[in-house]
Amino acid sequence: MRRFLNGKRVGEQPVAVEQRYTATFAVLYAPGTLKAVGMKGDRGVAEGILTTAGAPDRT
């Protein structure tokens, strides 16, 4: 699993049945786009994207 914040890779972690196909990353908040890419070898096979809706109410 690769994680990207605003187009910059912020982490990579293997996932398998032993981890219950779960990866955990600590990422500081930044407005924009957070993308997770499921990898099979060097090829991306799945992705999920979260995007901030606008300016935060408070931090």
C-alpha atoms as a PDB file:
ATOM      1  CA  MET A   1       0.000   0.000   0.000  1.00  0.00           C
ATOM      2  CA  ARG A   2       1.344   3.409  -0.967  1.00  0.00           C
ATOM      3  CA  ARG A   3      -0.005   6.618   0.506  1.00  0.00           C
ATOM      4  CA  PHE A   4       0.242  10.029  -1.185  1.00  0.00           C
ATOM      5  CA  LEU A   5      -0.593  13.467   0.209  1.00  0.00           C
ATOM      6  CA  ASN A   6      -1.054  16.133  -2.457  1.00  0.00           C
ATOM      7  CA  GLY A   7       0.901  14.041  -4.960  1.00  0.00           C
ATOM      8  CA  LYS A   8       3.883  13.378  -2.662  1.00  0.00           C
ATOM      9  CA  ARG A   9       4.494   9.839  -1.412  1.00  0.00           C
ATOM     10  CA  VAL A  10       4.286   9.867   2.385  1.00  0.00           C
ATOM     11  CA  GLY A  11       4.571   6.153   3.045  1.00  0.00           C
ATOM     12  CA  GLU A  12       4.576   2.601   1.811  1.00  0.00           C
ATOM     13  CA  GLN A  13       3.684  -0.493   3.778  1.00  0.00           C
ATOM     14  CA  PRO A  14       3.138  -4.134   2.848  1.00  0.00           C
ATOM     15  CA  VAL A  15      -0.298  -5.570   3.564  1.00  0.00           C
ATOM     16  CA  ALA A  16      -1.319  -9.215   3.611  1.00  0.00           C
ATOM     17  CA  VAL A  17      -3.701 -11.574   5.339  1.00  0.00           C
ATOM     18  CA  GLU A  18      -1.455 -11.442   8.442  1.00  0.00           C
ATOM     19  CA  GLN A  19      -2.225  -7.701   8.789  1.00  0.00           C
ATOM     20  CA  ARG A  20      -5.869  -8.293   7.834  1.00  0.00           C
ATOM     21  CA  TYR A  21      -5.110  -6.281   4.667  1.00  0.00           C
ATOM     22  CA  THR A  22      -4.769  -3.122   6.773  1.00  0.00           C
ATOM     23  CA  ALA A  23      -2.076  -0.438   6.632  1.00  0.00           C
ATOM     24  CA  THR A  24      -1.785   2.362   9.187  1.00  0.00           C
ATOM     25  CA  PHE A  25      -0.031   5.654   8.466  1.00  0.00           C
ATOM     26  CA  ALA A  26       0.502   8.731  10.647  1.00  0.00           C
ATOM     27  CA  VAL A  27       0.165  11.816   8.425  1.00  0.00           C
ATOM     28  CA  LEU A  28      -0.058  15.433   9.566  1.00  0.00           C
ATOM     29  CA  TYR A  29      -3.156  17.247   8.363  1.00  0.00           C
ATOM     30  CA  ALA A  30      -2.825  19.280   5.191  1.00  0.00           C
ATOM     31  CA  PRO A  31      -5.700  20.394   2.976  1.00  0.00           C
ATOM     32  CA  GLY A  32      -5.837  18.726  -0.408  1.00  0.00           C
ATOM     33  CA  THR A  33      -5.922  15.112  -1.570  1.00  0.00           C
ATOM     34  CA  LEU A  34      -4.994  11.926   0.275  1.00  0.00           C
ATOM     35  CA  LYS A  35      -4.643   8.890  -1.999  1.00  0.00           C
ATOM     36  CA  ALA A  36      -4.015   5.241  -1.115  1.00  0.00           C
ATOM     37  CA  VAL A  37      -2.811   2.900  -3.876  1.00  0.00           C
ATOM     38  CA  GLY A  38      -2.968  -0.883  -3.503  1.00  0.00           C
ATOM     39  CA  MET A  39       0.044  -2.435  -5.186  1.00  0.00           C
ATOM     40  CA  LYS A  40       0.677  -5.813  -6.763  1.00  0.00           C
ATOM     41  CA  GLY A  41       4.410  -5.868  -7.351  1.00  0.00           C
ATOM     42  CA  ASP A  42       5.247  -2.513  -8.925  1.00  0.00           C
ATOM     43  CA  ARG A  43       1.783  -2.025 -10.424  1.00  0.00           C
ATOM     44  CA  GLY A  44      -1.087  -0.103  -8.838  1.00  0.00           C
ATOM     45  CA  VAL A  45      -4.214  -2.288  -8.815  1.00  0.00           C
ATOM     46  CA  ALA A  46      -6.632  -0.280  -6.623  1.00  0.00           C
ATOM     47  CA  GLU A  47      -6.903   3.221  -5.234  1.00  0.00           C
ATOM     48  CA  GLY A  48      -8.963   5.313  -2.880  1.00  0.00           C
ATOM     49  CA  ILE A  49      -8.986   9.111  -2.765  1.00  0.00           C
ATOM     50  CA  LEU A  50     -10.158  11.544  -0.072  1.00  0.00           C
ATOM     51  CA  THR A  51     -10.278  15.286  -0.771  1.00  0.00           C
ATOM     52  CA  THR A  52     -10.887  18.138   1.653  1.00  0.00           C
ATOM     53  CA  ALA A  53     -14.138  19.944   1.006  1.00  0.00           C
ATOM     54  CA  GLY A  54     -12.877  23.438   1.736  1.00  0.00           C
ATOM     55  CA  ALA A  55     -11.316  25.577   4.422  1.00  0.00           C
ATOM     56  CA  PRO A  56     -11.319  23.963   7.887  1.00  0.00           C
ATOM     57  CA  ASP A  57     -13.668  25.342  10.552  1.00  0.00           C
ATOM     58  CA  ARG A  58     -10.881  24.997  13.133  1.00  0.00           C
ATOM     59  CA  THR A  59      -7.740  22.983  13.779  1.00  0.00           C
END
